[in-house]
């Protein structure tokens, strides 16, 4: 696990955009936000995904 120097959350190594020394780096989320390359999920797709996950959870219970 790598600790993000911006948000201080731990991130898996494959979720780190800029690895650094001593178990620190910059996570993909902070990197995208700071560089302006962040892409938001469309609202309709987010709602569809939320509905699907709710359906799957109710079927599993």
PDB file of N, CA and C in Angstrom:
ATOM      1  N   UNK A   1       0.839  -1.185   0.000  1.00  0.00           N
ATOM      2  CA  UNK A   1       0.000   0.000   0.000  1.00  0.00           C
ATOM      3  C   UNK A   1       0.884   1.248   0.000  1.00  0.00           C
ATOM      4  N   UNK A   2       0.426   2.227  -0.722  1.00  0.00           N
ATOM      5  CA  UNK A   2       1.116   3.517  -0.817  1.00  0.00           C
ATOM      6  C   UNK A   2       0.213   4.574  -0.176  1.00  0.00           C
ATOM      7  N   UNK A   3       0.771   5.484   0.588  1.00  0.00           N
ATOM      8  CA  UNK A   3       0.008   6.584   1.171  1.00  0.00           C
ATOM      9  C   UNK A   3       0.118   7.795   0.260  1.00  0.00           C
ATOM     10  N   UNK A   4      -1.039   8.339  -0.128  1.00  0.00           N
ATOM     11  CA  UNK A   4      -1.062   9.514  -0.998  1.00  0.00           C
ATOM     12  C   UNK A   4      -0.604  10.737  -0.204  1.00  0.00           C
ATOM     13  N   UNK A   5       0.298  11.494  -0.776  1.00  0.00           N
ATOM     14  CA  UNK A   5       0.811  12.679  -0.086  1.00  0.00           C
ATOM     15  C   UNK A   5      -0.187  13.830  -0.108  1.00  0.00           C
ATOM     16  N   UNK A   6      -1.224  13.743  -0.941  1.00  0.00           N
ATOM     17  CA  UNK A   6      -2.222  14.818  -1.011  1.00  0.00           C
ATOM     18  C   UNK A   6      -3.409  14.518  -0.098  1.00  0.00           C
ATOM     19  N   UNK A   7      -4.063  13.372  -0.301  1.00  0.00           N
ATOM     20  CA  UNK A   7      -5.270  13.059   0.476  1.00  0.00           C
ATOM     21  C   UNK A   7      -4.981  12.227   1.724  1.00  0.00           C
ATOM     22  N   UNK A   8      -3.808  11.646   1.804  1.00  0.00           N
ATOM     23  CA  UNK A   8      -3.367  10.835   2.944  1.00  0.00           C
ATOM     24  C   UNK A   8      -4.061   9.480   3.059  1.00  0.00           C
ATOM     25  N   UNK A   9      -4.858   9.094   2.050  1.00  0.00           N
ATOM     26  CA  UNK A   9      -5.467   7.776   2.054  1.00  0.00           C
ATOM     27  C   UNK A   9      -4.472   6.769   1.492  1.00  0.00           C
ATOM     28  N   UNK A  10      -4.639   5.510   1.886  1.00  0.00           N
ATOM     29  CA  UNK A  10      -3.796   4.461   1.332  1.00  0.00           C
ATOM     30  C   UNK A  10      -4.365   4.030  -0.016  1.00  0.00           C
ATOM     31  N   UNK A  11      -3.482   3.690  -0.939  1.00  0.00           N
ATOM     32  CA  UNK A  11      -3.889   3.251  -2.274  1.00  0.00           C
ATOM     33  C   UNK A  11      -3.062   2.035  -2.661  1.00  0.00           C
ATOM     34  N   UNK A  12      -3.692   1.138  -3.412  1.00  0.00           N
ATOM     35  CA  UNK A  12      -2.968  -0.006  -3.960  1.00  0.00           C
ATOM     36  C   UNK A  12      -1.930   0.514  -4.950  1.00  0.00           C
ATOM     37  N   UNK A  13      -0.868  -0.227  -5.130  1.00  0.00           N
ATOM     38  CA  UNK A  13       0.211   0.209  -6.006  1.00  0.00           C
ATOM     39  C   UNK A  13      -0.274   0.484  -7.427  1.00  0.00           C
ATOM     40  N   UNK A  14      -1.233  -0.306  -7.923  1.00  0.00           N
ATOM     41  CA  UNK A  14      -1.721  -0.075  -9.286  1.00  0.00           C
ATOM     42  C   UNK A  14      -2.688   1.110  -9.377  1.00  0.00           C
ATOM     43  N   UNK A  15      -3.043   1.727  -8.249  1.00  0.00           N
ATOM     44  CA  UNK A  15      -3.883   2.930  -8.230  1.00  0.00           C
ATOM     45  C   UNK A  15      -3.068   4.179  -7.926  1.00  0.00           C
ATOM     46  N   UNK A  16      -1.758   4.090  -8.101  1.00  0.00           N
ATOM     47  CA  UNK A  16      -0.866   5.216  -7.819  1.00  0.00           C
ATOM     48  C   UNK A  16      -0.336   5.761  -9.139  1.00  0.00           C
ATOM     49  N   UNK A  17      -0.523   7.066  -9.361  1.00  0.00           N
ATOM     50  CA  UNK A  17      -0.064   7.694 -10.602  1.00  0.00           C
ATOM     51  C   UNK A  17       1.407   8.058 -10.519  1.00  0.00           C
ATOM     52  N   UNK A  18       1.840   8.539  -9.352  1.00  0.00           N
ATOM     53  CA  UNK A  18       3.222   8.986  -9.186  1.00  0.00           C
ATOM     54  C   UNK A  18       3.793   8.334  -7.928  1.00  0.00           C
ATOM     55  N   UNK A  19       4.459   7.184  -8.072  1.00  0.00           N
ATOM     56  CA  UNK A  19       5.058   6.563  -6.888  1.00  0.00           C
ATOM     57  C   UNK A  19       6.257   7.360  -6.400  1.00  0.00           C
ATOM     58  N   UNK A  20       6.459   7.335  -5.113  1.00  0.00           N
ATOM     59  CA  UNK A  20       7.585   8.057  -4.537  1.00  0.00           C
ATOM     60  C   UNK A  20       8.310   7.186  -3.524  1.00  0.00           C
ATOM     61  N   UNK A  21       9.265   7.764  -2.834  1.00  0.00           N
ATOM     62  CA  UNK A  21      10.051   6.996  -1.867  1.00  0.00           C
ATOM     63  C   UNK A  21       9.290   6.761  -0.561  1.00  0.00           C
ATOM     64  N   UNK A  22       9.722   5.782   0.177  1.00  0.00           N
ATOM     65  CA  UNK A  22       9.232   5.506   1.527  1.00  0.00           C
ATOM     66  C   UNK A  22       7.726   5.245   1.605  1.00  0.00           C
ATOM     67  N   UNK A  23       7.175   4.562   0.609  1.00  0.00           N
ATOM     68  CA  UNK A  23       5.767   4.186   0.643  1.00  0.00           C
ATOM     69  C   UNK A  23       4.801   5.327   0.437  1.00  0.00           C
ATOM     70  N   UNK A  24       5.249   6.385  -0.189  1.00  0.00           N
ATOM     71  CA  UNK A  24       4.384   7.536  -0.465  1.00  0.00           C
ATOM     72  C   UNK A  24       4.285   7.744  -1.966  1.00  0.00           C
ATOM     73  N   UNK A  25       3.282   8.492  -2.374  1.00  0.00           N
ATOM     74  CA  UNK A  25       3.094   8.797  -3.784  1.00  0.00           C
ATOM     75  C   UNK A  25       1.843   9.636  -3.950  1.00  0.00           C
ATOM     76  N   UNK A  26       1.334   9.713  -5.170  1.00  0.00           N
ATOM     77  CA  UNK A  26       0.103  10.448  -5.454  1.00  0.00           C
ATOM     78  C   UNK A  26      -0.869   9.473  -6.107  1.00  0.00           C
ATOM     79  N   UNK A  27      -2.050   9.343  -5.511  1.00  0.00           N
ATOM     80  CA  UNK A  27      -3.044   8.406  -6.035  1.00  0.00           C
ATOM     81  C   UNK A  27      -3.647   8.945  -7.336  1.00  0.00           C
ATOM     82  N   UNK A  28      -4.252   8.053  -8.104  1.00  0.00           N
ATOM     83  CA  UNK A  28      -4.834   8.431  -9.390  1.00  0.00           C
ATOM     84  C   UNK A  28      -5.912   9.495  -9.247  1.00  0.00           C
ATOM     85  N   UNK A  29      -6.738   9.388  -8.215  1.00  0.00           N
ATOM     86  CA  UNK A  29      -7.826  10.360  -8.034  1.00  0.00           C
ATOM     87  C   UNK A  29      -7.274  11.761  -7.808  1.00  0.00           C
ATOM     88  N   UNK A  30      -6.291  11.896  -6.924  1.00  0.00           N
ATOM     89  CA  UNK A  30      -5.698  13.214  -6.665  1.00  0.00           C
ATOM     90  C   UNK A  30      -4.949  13.724  -7.892  1.00  0.00           C
ATOM     91  N   UNK A  31      -4.246  12.831  -8.577  1.00  0.00           N
ATOM     92  CA  UNK A  31      -3.508  13.229  -9.772  1.00  0.00           C
ATOM     93  C   UNK A  31      -4.458  13.786 -10.826  1.00  0.00           C
ATOM     94  N   UNK A  32      -5.568  13.074 -11.066  1.00  0.00           N
ATOM     95  CA  UNK A  32      -6.540  13.518 -12.072  1.00  0.00           C
ATOM     96  C   UNK A  32      -7.161  14.851 -11.671  1.00  0.00           C
ATOM     97  N   UNK A  33      -7.498  14.992 -10.402  1.00  0.00           N
ATOM     98  CA  UNK A  33      -8.104  16.242  -9.939  1.00  0.00           C
ATOM     99  C   UNK A  33      -7.128  17.407 -10.056  1.00  0.00           C
ATOM    100  N   UNK A  34      -5.886  17.202  -9.651  1.00  0.00           N
ATOM    101  CA  UNK A  34      -4.891  18.277  -9.652  1.00  0.00           C
ATOM    102  C   UNK A  34      -4.446  18.671 -11.061  1.00  0.00           C
ATOM    103  N   UNK A  35      -4.467  17.731 -12.000  1.00  0.00           N
ATOM    104  CA  UNK A  35      -4.025  18.031 -13.363  1.00  0.00           C
ATOM    105  C   UNK A  35      -5.177  18.411 -14.289  1.00  0.00           C
ATOM    106  N   UNK A  36      -6.416  18.323 -13.796  1.00  0.00           N
ATOM    107  CA  UNK A  36      -7.573  18.669 -14.616  1.00  0.00           C
ATOM    108  C   UNK A  36      -7.945  17.600 -15.622  1.00  0.00           C
ATOM    109  N   UNK A  37      -7.454  16.395 -15.461  1.00  0.00           N
ATOM    110  CA  UNK A  37      -7.753  15.320 -16.407  1.00  0.00           C
ATOM    111  C   UNK A  37      -8.863  14.400 -15.906  1.00  0.00           C
ATOM    112  N   UNK A  38      -9.523  14.793 -14.835  1.00  0.00           N
ATOM    113  CA  UNK A  38     -10.592  13.996 -14.240  1.00  0.00           C
ATOM    114  C   UNK A  38     -11.797  13.946 -15.178  1.00  0.00           C
ATOM    115  N   UNK A  39     -12.385  12.762 -15.330  1.00  0.00           N
ATOM    116  CA  UNK A  39     -13.578  12.596 -16.163  1.00  0.00           C
ATOM    117  C   UNK A  39     -14.699  12.071 -15.279  1.00  0.00           C
ATOM    118  N   UNK A  40     -15.783  12.808 -15.221  1.00  0.00           N
ATOM    119  CA  UNK A  40     -16.917  12.441 -14.387  1.00  0.00           C
ATOM    120  C   UNK A  40     -17.803  11.437 -15.119  1.00  0.00           C
ATOM    121  N   UNK A  41     -18.424  10.557 -14.335  1.00  0.00           N
ATOM    122  CA  UNK A  41     -19.364   9.601 -14.901  1.00  0.00           C
ATOM    123  C   UNK A  41     -20.679  10.337 -15.186  1.00  0.00           C
ATOM    124  N   UNK A  42     -21.269  10.147 -16.363  1.00  0.00           N
ATOM    125  CA  UNK A  42     -22.547  10.800 -16.656  1.00  0.00           C
ATOM    126  C   UNK A  42     -23.616  10.412 -15.621  1.00  0.00           C
ATOM    127  N   UNK A  43     -24.475  11.364 -15.295  1.00  0.00           N
ATOM    128  CA  UNK A  43     -25.492  11.155 -14.260  1.00  0.00           C
ATOM    129  C   UNK A  43     -26.388   9.959 -14.572  1.00  0.00           C
ATOM    130  N   UNK A  44     -26.797   9.803 -15.815  1.00  0.00           N
ATOM    131  CA  UNK A  44     -27.679   8.689 -16.195  1.00  0.00           C
ATOM    132  C   UNK A  44     -26.982   7.344 -15.979  1.00  0.00           C
ATOM    133  N   UNK A  45     -25.718   7.258 -16.335  1.00  0.00           N
ATOM    134  CA  UNK A  45     -24.969   6.018 -16.139  1.00  0.00           C
ATOM    135  C   UNK A  45     -24.789   5.724 -14.652  1.00  0.00           C
ATOM    136  N   UNK A  46     -24.512   6.756 -13.866  1.00  0.00           N
ATOM    137  CA  UNK A  46     -24.352   6.581 -12.421  1.00  0.00           C
ATOM    138  C   UNK A  46     -25.650   6.056 -11.808  1.00  0.00           C
ATOM    139  N   UNK A  47     -26.791   6.602 -12.228  1.00  0.00           N
ATOM    140  CA  UNK A  47     -28.082   6.154 -11.707  1.00  0.00           C
ATOM    141  C   UNK A  47     -28.361   4.715 -12.113  1.00  0.00           C
ATOM    142  N   UNK A  48     -28.049   4.374 -13.356  1.00  0.00           N
ATOM    143  CA  UNK A  48     -28.247   3.003 -13.833  1.00  0.00           C
ATOM    144  C   UNK A  48     -27.388   2.025 -13.039  1.00  0.00           C
ATOM    145  N   UNK A  49     -26.161   2.385 -12.776  1.00  0.00           N
ATOM    146  CA  UNK A  49     -25.264   1.538 -11.997  1.00  0.00           C
ATOM    147  C   UNK A  49     -25.763   1.385 -10.563  1.00  0.00           C
ATOM    148  N   UNK A  50     -26.211   2.477  -9.956  1.00  0.00           N
ATOM    149  CA  UNK A  50     -26.749   2.428  -8.595  1.00  0.00           C
ATOM    150  C   UNK A  50     -27.963   1.512  -8.528  1.00  0.00           C
ATOM    151  N   UNK A  51     -28.858   1.623  -9.502  1.00  0.00           N
ATOM    152  CA  UNK A  51     -30.046   0.767  -9.549  1.00  0.00           C
ATOM    153  C   UNK A  51     -29.663  -0.701  -9.710  1.00  0.00           C
ATOM    154  N   UNK A  52     -28.706  -0.977 -10.576  1.00  0.00           N
ATOM    155  CA  UNK A  52     -28.259  -2.350 -10.795  1.00  0.00           C
ATOM    156  C   UNK A  52     -27.659  -2.942  -9.527  1.00  0.00           C
ATOM    157  N   UNK A  53     -26.813  -2.188  -8.852  1.00  0.00           N
ATOM    158  CA  UNK A  53     -26.202  -2.681  -7.613  1.00  0.00           C
ATOM    159  C   UNK A  53     -27.250  -2.916  -6.531  1.00  0.00           C
ATOM    160  N   UNK A  54     -28.243  -2.046  -6.442  1.00  0.00           N
ATOM    161  CA  UNK A  54     -29.320  -2.230  -5.468  1.00  0.00           C
ATOM    162  C   UNK A  54     -30.104  -3.502  -5.774  1.00  0.00           C
ATOM    163  N   UNK A  55     -30.358  -3.756  -7.052  1.00  0.00           N
ATOM    164  CA  UNK A  55     -31.066  -4.969  -7.455  1.00  0.00           C
ATOM    165  C   UNK A  55     -30.261  -6.209  -7.095  1.00  0.00           C
ATOM    166  N   UNK A  56     -28.982  -6.183  -7.376  1.00  0.00           N
ATOM    167  CA  UNK A  56     -28.124  -7.330  -7.060  1.00  0.00           C
ATOM    168  C   UNK A  56     -28.042  -7.568  -5.561  1.00  0.00           C
ATOM    169  N   UNK A  57     -27.978  -6.507  -4.772  1.00  0.00           N
ATOM    170  CA  UNK A  57     -27.937  -6.651  -3.314  1.00  0.00           C
ATOM    171  C   UNK A  57     -29.228  -7.259  -2.787  1.00  0.00           C
ATOM    172  N   UNK A  58     -30.355  -6.826  -3.323  1.00  0.00           N
ATOM    173  CA  UNK A  58     -31.638  -7.346  -2.844  1.00  0.00           C
ATOM    174  C   UNK A  58     -31.808  -8.819  -3.231  1.00  0.00           C
ATOM    175  N   UNK A  59     -31.258  -9.221  -4.362  1.00  0.00           N
ATOM    176  CA  UNK A  59     -31.339 -10.622  -4.779  1.00  0.00           C
ATOM    177  C   UNK A  59     -30.431 -11.500  -3.937  1.00  0.00           C
ATOM    178  N   UNK A  60     -29.324 -10.954  -3.470  1.00  0.00           N
ATOM    179  CA  UNK A  60     -28.376 -11.729  -2.672  1.00  0.00           C
ATOM    180  C   UNK A  60     -28.877 -11.929  -1.244  1.00  0.00           C
ATOM    181  N   UNK A  61     -29.734 -11.049  -0.783  1.00  0.00           N
ATOM    182  CA  UNK A  61     -30.218 -11.120   0.608  1.00  0.00           C
ATOM    183  C   UNK A  61     -31.331 -12.114   0.782  1.00  0.00           C
TER     184      UNK A  61
END
